Amino acid sequence: MMGVLNHLSTLLLLSLLPPALSHVVERFSDVPQCKTFFLDGTTPNLPGILVDGTVKDQNRYKPICQKYKNTYMFATLYDTTNKIPVFSAYTFSGVGKREKRPDTWMIEPQLDGGIEPVMGLEKQGVIYTHQAVNQDYDEYGKDKKVSKGHVFPKAFAHQPINQNSTFTLTNAVPQVQSFNEGSWGKMECEVRKILLKQCLDNNGQPKAYVVTGAVPSDNNKLNNRVNIPDLMWTAYCCYNNKKKEWMAKAHWGENQEETNKQVLNPHTLSELYNMLKQHYPGDGDVQVFPDQCPRGSSQKEREKSREREVGSGDISRKGLMKCDEDCKCVSW
């Protein structure tokens, strides 16, 4: 009788966990639904890490097909040594209802030997050696002036179910708070406006492919465990149905404290690839998107793009803002 009660108690506790599933796989292509987060199913090329869809060091780097409430939401390549994502890839499909939620972040049990493919809360008494945990951030983040920074941002997720799926520590890096709320957050919100207006499919609905990543530091760590990245980068590519052409842009910024009102200007994909190549110098080229995404643009186009995102002339006159995770911005 006692055994039956214990079994029922276990089932009850499991039922209370967030009903999220995520699959740790060998290749993103192992899960057909996971391929849809990459344009044409083509994963990024990062020399020495991920080449032609194959992870070069499968003991260290783990592809995760993030699944929440029976739906695949996005894809993450996770670095179990640095305990941060290399990147998260996702599709932007518009902005829907926004809801407040508890600041509760989940972990991925499969990264530390768990057999159940259930993204859930940390278990008391379990030591997680291959991923970050809440304690790393909650107890040590203040000293480093960092907090949990979304890689796939909540602001880019469509409905509350999609938004909730982003709250896993396998989709977070230690991000300097003033950078997160300052130039990075402002850039995300400006890019979101562009995606909503320009990245429209044949039905007039927003659709864009986005990849966001982090470049790890040499030895800057949170709680002597979790790498605090030197730099964060993001890029998008979409088909502009009005102009009948593909368009793409990239941004990056240093993960450091901001005392001035800084702006992250847009860059071409070629500029992003050249920058990332300095950090991933292995054999082969860096490429985030397939060839239909334009790598460059004319000087005139770059100037227009900068004007759209940050304005021209006196930047302070444009009223620089700091923005939260839902793109609610206030003047500095």
C-alpha atoms as a PDB file:
ATOM      1  CA  MET A   1       0.000   0.000   0.000  1.00  0.00           C
ATOM      2  CA  MET A   2       2.796   2.415   0.923  1.00  0.00           C
ATOM      3  CA  GLY A   3       4.496   1.738  -2.408  1.00  0.00           C
ATOM      4  CA  VAL A   4       1.303   2.596  -4.282  1.00  0.00           C
ATOM      5  CA  LEU A   5       0.957   5.859  -2.336  1.00  0.00           C
ATOM      6  CA  ASN A   6       4.564   6.789  -3.084  1.00  0.00           C
ATOM      7  CA  HIS A   7       3.968   6.101  -6.762  1.00  0.00           C
ATOM      8  CA  LEU A   8       0.853   8.277  -6.764  1.00  0.00           C
ATOM      9  CA  SER A   9       2.749  11.038  -4.951  1.00  0.00           C
ATOM     10  CA  THR A  10       5.462  10.939  -7.601  1.00  0.00           C
ATOM     11  CA  LEU A  11       2.900  11.188 -10.396  1.00  0.00           C
ATOM     12  CA  LEU A  12       1.271  14.130  -8.647  1.00  0.00           C
ATOM     13  CA  LEU A  13       4.581  15.990  -8.321  1.00  0.00           C
ATOM     14  CA  LEU A  14       5.423  15.348 -11.964  1.00  0.00           C
ATOM     15  CA  SER A  15       2.019  16.669 -13.006  1.00  0.00           C
ATOM     16  CA  LEU A  16       2.811  19.968 -11.269  1.00  0.00           C
ATOM     17  CA  LEU A  17       5.979  20.554 -13.277  1.00  0.00           C
ATOM     18  CA  PRO A  18       5.756  22.779 -16.348  1.00  0.00           C
ATOM     19  CA  PRO A  19       4.534  20.499 -19.166  1.00  0.00           C
ATOM     20  CA  ALA A  20       7.553  21.152 -21.366  1.00  0.00           C
ATOM     21  CA  LEU A  21       9.594  18.686 -23.331  1.00  0.00           C
ATOM     22  CA  SER A  22      12.921  19.298 -25.009  1.00  0.00           C
ATOM     23  CA  HIS A  23      15.021  16.859 -26.950  1.00  0.00           C
ATOM     24  CA  VAL A  24      18.802  16.725 -26.771  1.00  0.00           C
ATOM     25  CA  VAL A  25      19.793  15.298 -30.155  1.00  0.00           C
ATOM     26  CA  GLU A  26      22.936  14.601 -32.193  1.00  0.00           C
ATOM     27  CA  ARG A  27      21.832  16.735 -35.144  1.00  0.00           C
ATOM     28  CA  PHE A  28      19.060  19.306 -35.458  1.00  0.00           C
ATOM     29  CA  SER A  29      17.920  17.454 -38.579  1.00  0.00           C
ATOM     30  CA  ASP A  30      17.060  14.440 -36.401  1.00  0.00           C
ATOM     31  CA  VAL A  31      13.772  16.194 -35.570  1.00  0.00           C
ATOM     32  CA  PRO A  32      11.898  17.391 -38.690  1.00  0.00           C
ATOM     33  CA  GLN A  33      10.017  20.081 -36.759  1.00  0.00           C
ATOM     34  CA  CYS A  34      13.315  21.394 -35.400  1.00  0.00           C
ATOM     35  CA  LYS A  35      14.620  22.026 -38.909  1.00  0.00           C
ATOM     36  CA  THR A  36      11.866  24.596 -39.486  1.00  0.00           C
ATOM     37  CA  PHE A  37      13.646  27.108 -37.240  1.00  0.00           C
ATOM     38  CA  PHE A  38      16.437  27.327 -39.813  1.00  0.00           C
ATOM     39  CA  LEU A  39      15.879  28.830 -43.252  1.00  0.00           C
ATOM     40  CA  ASP A  40      15.670  25.923 -45.729  1.00  0.00           C
ATOM     41  CA  GLY A  41      16.625  23.683 -42.806  1.00  0.00           C
ATOM     42  CA  THR A  42      20.208  24.951 -43.105  1.00  0.00           C
ATOM     43  CA  THR A  43      22.024  25.329 -39.797  1.00  0.00           C
ATOM     44  CA  PRO A  44      24.774  27.925 -39.254  1.00  0.00           C
ATOM     45  CA  ASN A  45      28.404  27.098 -39.961  1.00  0.00           C
ATOM     46  CA  LEU A  46      30.745  27.959 -37.089  1.00  0.00           C
ATOM     47  CA  PRO A  47      34.234  26.526 -37.719  1.00  0.00           C
ATOM     48  CA  GLY A  48      35.319  24.061 -35.073  1.00  0.00           C
ATOM     49  CA  ILE A  49      31.832  23.880 -33.568  1.00  0.00           C
ATOM     50  CA  LEU A  50      29.102  23.199 -36.132  1.00  0.00           C
ATOM     51  CA  VAL A  51      29.881  22.458 -39.792  1.00  0.00           C
ATOM     52  CA  ASP A  52      27.365  21.268 -42.399  1.00  0.00           C
ATOM     53  CA  GLY A  53      24.938  20.346 -39.635  1.00  0.00           C
ATOM     54  CA  THR A  54      27.448  18.186 -37.759  1.00  0.00           C
ATOM     55  CA  VAL A  55      28.614  19.042 -34.250  1.00  0.00           C
ATOM     56  CA  LYS A  56      32.402  18.685 -34.164  1.00  0.00           C
ATOM     57  CA  ASP A  57      32.699  17.954 -30.418  1.00  0.00           C
ATOM     58  CA  GLN A  58      29.572  16.070 -29.416  1.00  0.00           C
ATOM     59  CA  ASN A  59      30.708  15.668 -25.833  1.00  0.00           C
ATOM     60  CA  ARG A  60      30.761  19.431 -25.359  1.00  0.00           C
ATOM     61  CA  TYR A  61      28.168  20.936 -27.708  1.00  0.00           C
ATOM     62  CA  LYS A  62      24.581  19.691 -27.506  1.00  0.00           C
ATOM     63  CA  PRO A  63      21.816  20.500 -30.010  1.00  0.00           C
ATOM     64  CA  ILE A  64      18.514  20.970 -28.186  1.00  0.00           C
ATOM     65  CA  CYS A  65      15.139  21.017 -29.923  1.00  0.00           C
ATOM     66  CA  GLN A  66      13.206  23.043 -27.397  1.00  0.00           C
ATOM     67  CA  LYS A  67       9.668  21.732 -26.957  1.00  0.00           C
ATOM     68  CA  TYR A  68       6.929  23.199 -24.773  1.00  0.00           C
ATOM     69  CA  LYS A  69       3.400  21.856 -24.285  1.00  0.00           C
ATOM     70  CA  ASN A  70       3.780  19.368 -27.143  1.00  0.00           C
ATOM     71  CA  THR A  71       5.026  21.996 -29.603  1.00  0.00           C
ATOM     72  CA  TYR A  72       8.569  22.629 -30.791  1.00  0.00           C
ATOM     73  CA  MET A  73       9.360  26.293 -30.149  1.00  0.00           C
ATOM     74  CA  PHE A  74      13.003  26.937 -31.108  1.00  0.00           C
ATOM     75  CA  ALA A  75      16.444  25.340 -31.373  1.00  0.00           C
ATOM     76  CA  THR A  76      19.550  25.864 -29.240  1.00  0.00           C
ATOM     77  CA  LEU A  77      23.154  24.733 -29.587  1.00  0.00           C
ATOM     78  CA  TYR A  78      24.382  24.523 -25.998  1.00  0.00           C
ATOM     79  CA  ASP A  79      27.978  24.613 -24.759  1.00  0.00           C
ATOM     80  CA  THR A  80      28.167  22.340 -21.698  1.00  0.00           C
ATOM     81  CA  THR A  81      31.683  23.534 -20.841  1.00  0.00           C
ATOM     82  CA  ASN A  82      30.893  27.243 -20.760  1.00  0.00           C
ATOM     83  CA  LYS A  83      27.310  26.506 -19.682  1.00  0.00           C
ATOM     84  CA  ILE A  84      25.794  29.002 -22.102  1.00  0.00           C
ATOM     85  CA  PRO A  85      24.230  28.695 -25.566  1.00  0.00           C
ATOM     86  CA  VAL A  86      26.362  29.062 -28.665  1.00  0.00           C
ATOM     87  CA  PHE A  87      23.170  30.269 -30.324  1.00  0.00           C
ATOM     88  CA  SER A  88      19.417  29.927 -30.397  1.00  0.00           C
ATOM     89  CA  ALA A  89      17.536  29.864 -33.713  1.00  0.00           C
ATOM     90  CA  TYR A  90      13.875  30.769 -34.030  1.00  0.00           C
ATOM     91  CA  THR A  91      11.222  32.117 -36.340  1.00  0.00           C
ATOM     92  CA  PHE A  92       9.516  35.448 -35.814  1.00  0.00           C
ATOM     93  CA  SER A  93       5.797  35.323 -36.620  1.00  0.00           C
ATOM     94  CA  GLY A  94       4.469  38.501 -35.097  1.00  0.00           C
ATOM     95  CA  VAL A  95       3.542  39.859 -31.700  1.00  0.00           C
ATOM     96  CA  GLY A  96       0.463  38.615 -29.897  1.00  0.00           C
ATOM     97  CA  LYS A  97      -0.915  38.806 -26.401  1.00  0.00           C
ATOM     98  CA  ARG A  98       1.567  39.591 -23.641  1.00  0.00           C
ATOM     99  CA  GLU A  99       1.226  38.150 -20.157  1.00  0.00           C
ATOM    100  CA  LYS A 100       3.186  38.571 -16.959  1.00  0.00           C
ATOM    101  CA  ARG A 101       4.669  35.381 -15.577  1.00  0.00           C
ATOM    102  CA  PRO A 102       6.709  34.441 -12.499  1.00  0.00           C
ATOM    103  CA  ASP A 103      10.461  34.842 -12.935  1.00  0.00           C
ATOM    104  CA  THR A 104      10.901  31.070 -12.879  1.00  0.00           C
ATOM    105  CA  TRP A 105      13.567  29.513 -15.076  1.00  0.00           C
ATOM    106  CA  MET A 106      13.858  25.835 -15.978  1.00  0.00           C
ATOM    107  CA  ILE A 107      16.815  23.586 -16.741  1.00  0.00           C
ATOM    108  CA  GLU A 108      17.410  20.624 -19.080  1.00  0.00           C
ATOM    109  CA  PRO A 109      17.718  17.334 -17.119  1.00  0.00           C
ATOM    110  CA  GLN A 110      19.016  15.416 -20.146  1.00  0.00           C
ATOM    111  CA  LEU A 111      22.234  17.417 -20.098  1.00  0.00           C
ATOM    112  CA  ASP A 112      23.085  15.849 -16.749  1.00  0.00           C
ATOM    113  CA  GLY A 113      22.086  12.258 -17.257  1.00  0.00           C
ATOM    114  CA  GLY A 114      18.344  12.558 -16.852  1.00  0.00           C
ATOM    115  CA  ILE A 115      16.479  10.030 -18.960  1.00  0.00           C
ATOM    116  CA  GLU A 116      13.188  11.882 -19.071  1.00  0.00           C
ATOM    117  CA  PRO A 117      12.978  14.466 -21.885  1.00  0.00           C
ATOM    118  CA  VAL A 118      11.289  16.937 -19.574  1.00  0.00           C
ATOM    119  CA  MET A 119      12.415  20.533 -19.261  1.00  0.00           C
ATOM    120  CA  GLY A 120      11.566  21.336 -15.682  1.00  0.00           C
ATOM    121  CA  LEU A 121      12.537  22.829 -12.373  1.00  0.00           C
ATOM    122  CA  GLU A 122      15.765  21.845 -10.670  1.00  0.00           C
ATOM    123  CA  LYS A 123      15.554  18.862  -8.345  1.00  0.00           C
ATOM    124  CA  GLN A 124      16.741  19.273  -4.798  1.00  0.00           C
ATOM    125  CA  GLY A 125      19.943  17.376  -4.110  1.00  0.00           C
ATOM    126  CA  VAL A 126      20.895  16.955  -7.770  1.00  0.00           C
ATOM    127  CA  ILE A 127      24.230  18.446  -8.844  1.00  0.00           C
ATOM    128  CA  TYR A 128      24.124  19.862 -12.363  1.00  0.00           C
ATOM    129  CA  THR A 129      27.619  19.833 -13.821  1.00  0.00           C
ATOM    130  CA  HIS A 130      26.891  20.497 -17.496  1.00  0.00           C
ATOM    131  CA  GLN A 131      24.611  23.520 -17.334  1.00  0.00           C
ATOM    132  CA  ALA A 132      23.867  26.699 -15.425  1.00  0.00           C
ATOM    133  CA  VAL A 133      21.399  26.685 -12.559  1.00  0.00           C
ATOM    134  CA  ASN A 134      19.384  29.424 -10.924  1.00  0.00           C
ATOM    135  CA  GLN A 135      21.764  29.673  -7.978  1.00  0.00           C
ATOM    136  CA  ASP A 136      24.572  30.763 -10.295  1.00  0.00           C
ATOM    137  CA  TYR A 137      22.609  33.856 -11.238  1.00  0.00           C
ATOM    138  CA  ASP A 138      20.554  34.512  -8.128  1.00  0.00           C
ATOM    139  CA  GLU A 139      23.420  34.391  -5.635  1.00  0.00           C
ATOM    140  CA  TYR A 140      26.368  35.602  -7.695  1.00  0.00           C
ATOM    141  CA  GLY A 141      24.905  37.760 -10.473  1.00  0.00           C
ATOM    142  CA  LYS A 142      24.688  40.945  -8.424  1.00  0.00           C
ATOM    143  CA  ASP A 143      28.436  41.040  -7.748  1.00  0.00           C
ATOM    144  CA  LYS A 144      29.130  40.792 -11.488  1.00  0.00           C
ATOM    145  CA  LYS A 145      26.255  43.148 -12.388  1.00  0.00           C
ATOM    146  CA  VAL A 146      24.731  40.497 -14.628  1.00  0.00           C
ATOM    147  CA  SER A 147      21.326  38.860 -14.853  1.00  0.00           C
ATOM    148  CA  LYS A 148      19.668  36.131 -16.919  1.00  0.00           C
ATOM    149  CA  GLY A 149      19.722  37.437 -20.469  1.00  0.00           C
ATOM    150  CA  HIS A 150      17.451  35.795 -23.026  1.00  0.00           C
ATOM    151  CA  VAL A 151      19.114  34.609 -26.216  1.00  0.00           C
ATOM    152  CA  PHE A 152      15.777  33.953 -27.924  1.00  0.00           C
ATOM    153  CA  PRO A 153      14.063  37.033 -26.473  1.00  0.00           C
ATOM    154  CA  LYS A 154      10.615  36.891 -24.956  1.00  0.00           C
ATOM    155  CA  ALA A 155       9.731  40.027 -26.957  1.00  0.00           C
ATOM    156  CA  PHE A 156      10.130  38.044 -30.200  1.00  0.00           C
ATOM    157  CA  ALA A 157       7.847  35.209 -29.097  1.00  0.00           C
ATOM    158  CA  HIS A 158       4.313  35.328 -30.441  1.00  0.00           C
ATOM    159  CA  GLN A 159       1.846  34.126 -27.799  1.00  0.00           C
ATOM    160  CA  PRO A 160       2.181  33.500 -24.026  1.00  0.00           C
ATOM    161  CA  ILE A 161       2.885  29.812 -24.661  1.00  0.00           C
ATOM    162  CA  ASN A 162       5.811  30.754 -26.909  1.00  0.00           C
ATOM    163  CA  GLN A 163       6.979  33.389 -24.440  1.00  0.00           C
ATOM    164  CA  ASN A 164       6.996  30.931 -21.542  1.00  0.00           C
ATOM    165  CA  SER A 165       9.113  28.483 -23.528  1.00  0.00           C
ATOM    166  CA  THR A 166      11.998  30.970 -23.613  1.00  0.00           C
ATOM    167  CA  PHE A 167      12.469  30.803 -19.835  1.00  0.00           C
ATOM    168  CA  THR A 168      14.982  27.982 -19.775  1.00  0.00           C
ATOM    169  CA  LEU A 169      18.568  28.526 -18.648  1.00  0.00           C
ATOM    170  CA  THR A 170      19.681  26.721 -21.797  1.00  0.00           C
ATOM    171  CA  ASN A 171      18.434  29.887 -23.544  1.00  0.00           C
ATOM    172  CA  ALA A 172      20.203  32.382 -21.259  1.00  0.00           C
ATOM    173  CA  VAL A 173      23.610  33.948 -20.753  1.00  0.00           C
ATOM    174  CA  PRO A 174      24.964  36.158 -17.947  1.00  0.00           C
ATOM    175  CA  GLN A 175      24.243  39.524 -19.533  1.00  0.00           C
ATOM    176  CA  VAL A 176      25.384  42.802 -18.023  1.00  0.00           C
ATOM    177  CA  GLN A 177      22.152  44.403 -16.899  1.00  0.00           C
ATOM    178  CA  SER A 178      22.859  47.909 -18.207  1.00  0.00           C
ATOM    179  CA  PHE A 179      23.731  46.408 -21.619  1.00  0.00           C
ATOM    180  CA  ASN A 180      20.610  44.225 -21.609  1.00  0.00           C
ATOM    181  CA  GLU A 181      18.287  47.083 -20.699  1.00  0.00           C
ATOM    182  CA  GLY A 182      20.244  49.636 -22.724  1.00  0.00           C
ATOM    183  CA  SER A 183      21.609  49.306 -26.245  1.00  0.00           C
ATOM    184  CA  TRP A 184      20.820  45.595 -26.628  1.00  0.00           C
ATOM    185  CA  GLY A 185      17.217  45.868 -25.471  1.00  0.00           C
ATOM    186  CA  LYS A 186      16.636  48.997 -27.542  1.00  0.00           C
ATOM    187  CA  MET A 187      18.084  47.278 -30.620  1.00  0.00           C
ATOM    188  CA  GLU A 188      15.826  44.232 -30.140  1.00  0.00           C
ATOM    189  CA  CYS A 189      12.755  46.438 -30.026  1.00  0.00           C
ATOM    190  CA  GLU A 190      13.802  48.420 -33.105  1.00  0.00           C
ATOM    191  CA  VAL A 191      14.466  45.199 -35.012  1.00  0.00           C
ATOM    192  CA  ARG A 192      11.067  43.872 -33.947  1.00  0.00           C
ATOM    193  CA  LYS A 193       9.427  46.938 -35.523  1.00  0.00           C
ATOM    194  CA  ILE A 194      11.279  46.296 -38.774  1.00  0.00           C
ATOM    195  CA  LEU A 195      10.292  42.629 -38.847  1.00  0.00           C
ATOM    196  CA  LEU A 196       6.648  43.518 -38.277  1.00  0.00           C
ATOM    197  CA  LYS A 197       6.618  46.041 -41.119  1.00  0.00           C
ATOM    198  CA  GLN A 198       8.957  44.588 -43.722  1.00  0.00           C
ATOM    199  CA  CYS A 199       9.140  40.823 -43.235  1.00  0.00           C
ATOM    200  CA  LEU A 200       5.689  39.906 -44.557  1.00  0.00           C
ATOM    201  CA  ASP A 201       4.865  36.678 -46.386  1.00  0.00           C
ATOM    202  CA  ASN A 202       2.425  36.217 -49.282  1.00  0.00           C
ATOM    203  CA  ASN A 203      -0.480  36.403 -46.844  1.00  0.00           C
ATOM    204  CA  GLY A 204       0.740  39.634 -45.318  1.00  0.00           C
ATOM    205  CA  GLN A 205       1.797  37.904 -42.106  1.00  0.00           C
ATOM    206  CA  PRO A 206       5.168  38.521 -40.395  1.00  0.00           C
ATOM    207  CA  LYS A 207       7.756  35.811 -40.935  1.00  0.00           C
ATOM    208  CA  ALA A 208      11.492  36.023 -40.385  1.00  0.00           C
ATOM    209  CA  TYR A 209      14.326  33.710 -39.414  1.00  0.00           C
ATOM    210  CA  VAL A 210      16.496  34.886 -36.540  1.00  0.00           C
ATOM    211  CA  VAL A 211      19.674  33.491 -34.989  1.00  0.00           C
ATOM    212  CA  THR A 212      21.143  34.987 -31.819  1.00  0.00           C
ATOM    213  CA  GLY A 213      24.408  33.909 -30.235  1.00  0.00           C
ATOM    214  CA  ALA A 214      27.108  34.688 -27.709  1.00  0.00           C
ATOM    215  CA  VAL A 215      30.891  34.717 -27.997  1.00  0.00           C
ATOM    216  CA  PRO A 216      32.388  33.391 -24.747  1.00  0.00           C
ATOM    217  CA  SER A 217      35.085  35.192 -22.801  1.00  0.00           C
ATOM    218  CA  ASP A 218      38.474  33.660 -22.080  1.00  0.00           C
ATOM    219  CA  ASN A 219      37.969  33.250 -18.345  1.00  0.00           C
ATOM    220  CA  ASN A 220      35.313  35.618 -17.018  1.00  0.00           C
ATOM    221  CA  LYS A 221      32.925  33.421 -15.052  1.00  0.00           C
ATOM    222  CA  LEU A 222      29.884  33.634 -12.861  1.00  0.00           C
ATOM    223  CA  ASN A 223      30.213  31.542  -9.686  1.00  0.00           C
ATOM    224  CA  ASN A 224      33.404  30.121 -11.207  1.00  0.00           C
ATOM    225  CA  ARG A 225      31.137  28.016 -13.434  1.00  0.00           C
ATOM    226  CA  VAL A 226      29.174  29.956 -16.022  1.00  0.00           C
ATOM    227  CA  ASN A 227      30.996  31.860 -18.750  1.00  0.00           C
ATOM    228  CA  ILE A 228      30.146  35.553 -19.007  1.00  0.00           C
ATOM    229  CA  PRO A 229      30.328  36.183 -22.770  1.00  0.00           C
ATOM    230  CA  ASP A 230      32.385  39.011 -24.197  1.00  0.00           C
ATOM    231  CA  LEU A 231      29.947  39.727 -26.974  1.00  0.00           C
ATOM    232  CA  MET A 232      26.417  39.012 -28.172  1.00  0.00           C
ATOM    233  CA  TRP A 233      25.276  38.962 -31.783  1.00  0.00           C
ATOM    234  CA  THR A 234      22.047  38.527 -33.689  1.00  0.00           C
ATOM    235  CA  ALA A 235      20.979  38.363 -37.329  1.00  0.00           C
ATOM    236  CA  TYR A 236      17.730  38.059 -39.234  1.00  0.00           C
ATOM    237  CA  CYS A 237      16.754  37.147 -42.772  1.00  0.00           C
ATOM    238  CA  CYS A 238      13.347  37.337 -44.398  1.00  0.00           C
ATOM    239  CA  TYR A 239      11.552  37.727 -47.701  1.00  0.00           C
ATOM    240  CA  ASN A 240      10.057  41.162 -48.248  1.00  0.00           C
ATOM    241  CA  ASN A 241       6.962  40.364 -50.286  1.00  0.00           C
ATOM    242  CA  LYS A 242       6.329  44.026 -51.103  1.00  0.00           C
ATOM    243  CA  LYS A 243       9.773  44.514 -52.613  1.00  0.00           C
ATOM    244  CA  LYS A 244       9.949  40.915 -53.874  1.00  0.00           C
ATOM    245  CA  GLU A 245      13.424  40.439 -52.433  1.00  0.00           C
ATOM    246  CA  TRP A 246      15.273  38.868 -49.540  1.00  0.00           C
ATOM    247  CA  MET A 247      16.645  41.149 -46.840  1.00  0.00           C
ATOM    248  CA  ALA A 248      19.024  40.562 -43.938  1.00  0.00           C
ATOM    249  CA  LYS A 249      20.766  42.530 -41.228  1.00  0.00           C
ATOM    250  CA  ALA A 250      22.954  41.832 -38.203  1.00  0.00           C
ATOM    251  CA  HIS A 251      23.831  43.526 -34.919  1.00  0.00           C
ATOM    252  CA  TRP A 252      26.321  42.866 -32.177  1.00  0.00           C
ATOM    253  CA  GLY A 253      27.536  44.498 -29.011  1.00  0.00           C
ATOM    254  CA  GLU A 254      30.029  44.029 -26.197  1.00  0.00           C
ATOM    255  CA  ASN A 255      28.596  42.557 -23.024  1.00  0.00           C
ATOM    256  CA  GLN A 256      29.867  45.262 -20.706  1.00  0.00           C
ATOM    257  CA  GLU A 257      28.520  47.959 -18.448  1.00  0.00           C
ATOM    258  CA  GLU A 258      27.128  50.973 -20.263  1.00  0.00           C
ATOM    259  CA  THR A 259      27.492  54.391 -18.735  1.00  0.00           C
ATOM    260  CA  ASN A 260      26.735  56.301 -21.917  1.00  0.00           C
ATOM    261  CA  LYS A 261      23.629  56.030 -24.061  1.00  0.00           C
ATOM    262  CA  GLN A 262      25.043  53.701 -26.672  1.00  0.00           C
ATOM    263  CA  VAL A 263      23.477  52.600 -29.945  1.00  0.00           C
ATOM    264  CA  LEU A 264      24.029  49.346 -31.825  1.00  0.00           C
ATOM    265  CA  ASN A 265      24.105  50.146 -35.538  1.00  0.00           C
ATOM    266  CA  PRO A 266      23.023  47.553 -38.127  1.00  0.00           C
ATOM    267  CA  HIS A 267      25.617  45.601 -40.084  1.00  0.00           C
ATOM    268  CA  THR A 268      25.612  43.416 -43.169  1.00  0.00           C
ATOM    269  CA  LEU A 269      25.883  39.640 -42.927  1.00  0.00           C
ATOM    270  CA  SER A 270      29.369  39.873 -44.454  1.00  0.00           C
ATOM    271  CA  GLU A 271      30.452  42.165 -41.653  1.00  0.00           C
ATOM    272  CA  LEU A 272      28.985  39.782 -39.095  1.00  0.00           C
ATOM    273  CA  TYR A 273      30.725  36.774 -40.677  1.00  0.00           C
ATOM    274  CA  ASN A 274      34.061  38.590 -40.720  1.00  0.00           C
ATOM    275  CA  MET A 275      33.661  39.548 -37.075  1.00  0.00           C
ATOM    276  CA  LEU A 276      32.695  36.027 -35.996  1.00  0.00           C
ATOM    277  CA  LYS A 277      35.543  34.490 -38.001  1.00  0.00           C
ATOM    278  CA  GLN A 278      37.952  36.237 -35.643  1.00  0.00           C
ATOM    279  CA  HIS A 279      36.414  34.261 -32.781  1.00  0.00           C
ATOM    280  CA  TYR A 280      35.927  30.975 -34.661  1.00  0.00           C
ATOM    281  CA  PRO A 281      39.205  30.702 -36.633  1.00  0.00           C
ATOM    282  CA  GLY A 282      38.970  27.011 -37.531  1.00  0.00           C
ATOM    283  CA  ASP A 283      38.856  25.612 -41.042  1.00  0.00           C
ATOM    284  CA  GLY A 284      35.995  26.880 -43.168  1.00  0.00           C
ATOM    285  CA  ASP A 285      33.892  30.002 -43.322  1.00  0.00           C
ATOM    286  CA  VAL A 286      31.308  31.395 -40.959  1.00  0.00           C
ATOM    287  CA  GLN A 287      27.806  31.450 -42.414  1.00  0.00           C
ATOM    288  CA  VAL A 288      24.563  31.944 -40.485  1.00  0.00           C
ATOM    289  CA  PHE A 289      22.003  31.865 -43.312  1.00  0.00           C
ATOM    290  CA  PRO A 290      21.794  30.255 -46.781  1.00  0.00           C
ATOM    291  CA  ASP A 291      22.941  32.132 -49.862  1.00  0.00           C
ATOM    292  CA  GLN A 292      19.590  33.748 -50.721  1.00  0.00           C
ATOM    293  CA  CYS A 293      20.078  36.048 -47.734  1.00  0.00           C
ATOM    294  CA  PRO A 294      22.071  39.026 -49.054  1.00  0.00           C
ATOM    295  CA  ARG A 295      25.471  39.345 -47.435  1.00  0.00           C
ATOM    296  CA  GLY A 296      26.082  42.967 -48.276  1.00  0.00           C
ATOM    297  CA  SER A 297      24.408  46.213 -49.201  1.00  0.00           C
ATOM    298  CA  SER A 298      25.350  49.512 -50.747  1.00  0.00           C
ATOM    299  CA  GLN A 299      26.562  52.433 -48.675  1.00  0.00           C
ATOM    300  CA  LYS A 300      23.294  54.231 -49.406  1.00  0.00           C
ATOM    301  CA  GLU A 301      21.229  51.280 -48.169  1.00  0.00           C
ATOM    302  CA  ARG A 302      23.315  51.049 -44.993  1.00  0.00           C
ATOM    303  CA  GLU A 303      22.783  54.732 -44.285  1.00  0.00           C
ATOM    304  CA  LYS A 304      19.027  54.393 -44.766  1.00  0.00           C
ATOM    305  CA  SER A 305      18.976  51.373 -42.495  1.00  0.00           C
ATOM    306  CA  ARG A 306      20.802  53.258 -39.750  1.00  0.00           C
ATOM    307  CA  GLU A 307      18.398  56.165 -40.110  1.00  0.00           C
ATOM    308  CA  ARG A 308      15.411  53.848 -39.715  1.00  0.00           C
ATOM    309  CA  GLU A 309      16.797  52.230 -36.581  1.00  0.00           C
ATOM    310  CA  VAL A 310      18.543  54.988 -34.674  1.00  0.00           C
ATOM    311  CA  GLY A 311      17.906  58.202 -36.593  1.00  0.00           C
ATOM    312  CA  SER A 312      20.520  60.539 -37.991  1.00  0.00           C
ATOM    313  CA  GLY A 313      22.271  63.543 -36.509  1.00  0.00           C
ATOM    314  CA  ASP A 314      22.025  64.138 -32.766  1.00  0.00           C
ATOM    315  CA  ILE A 315      21.160  60.725 -31.333  1.00  0.00           C
ATOM    316  CA  SER A 316      20.263  62.140 -27.908  1.00  0.00           C
ATOM    317  CA  ARG A 317      17.620  64.239 -29.602  1.00  0.00           C
ATOM    318  CA  LYS A 318      15.817  61.044 -30.573  1.00  0.00           C
ATOM    319  CA  GLY A 319      15.186  60.188 -26.922  1.00  0.00           C
ATOM    320  CA  LEU A 320      17.198  57.039 -26.252  1.00  0.00           C
ATOM    321  CA  MET A 321      15.330  54.521 -24.172  1.00  0.00           C
ATOM    322  CA  LYS A 322      15.894  51.489 -22.030  1.00  0.00           C
ATOM    323  CA  CYS A 323      13.549  48.604 -22.688  1.00  0.00           C
ATOM    324  CA  ASP A 324      12.268  45.602 -20.752  1.00  0.00           C
ATOM    325  CA  GLU A 325      11.697  42.071 -22.042  1.00  0.00           C
ATOM    326  CA  ASP A 326       8.299  43.039 -23.504  1.00  0.00           C
ATOM    327  CA  CYS A 327       9.701  46.087 -25.360  1.00  0.00           C
ATOM    328  CA  LYS A 328       8.147  48.535 -22.943  1.00  0.00           C
ATOM    329  CA  CYS A 329      10.630  51.380 -23.163  1.00  0.00           C
ATOM    330  CA  VAL A 330      11.182  54.451 -21.030  1.00  0.00           C
ATOM    331  CA  SER A 331      13.477  57.415 -21.588  1.00  0.00           C
ATOM    332  CA  TRP A 332      16.815  57.456 -19.819  1.00  0.00           C
END
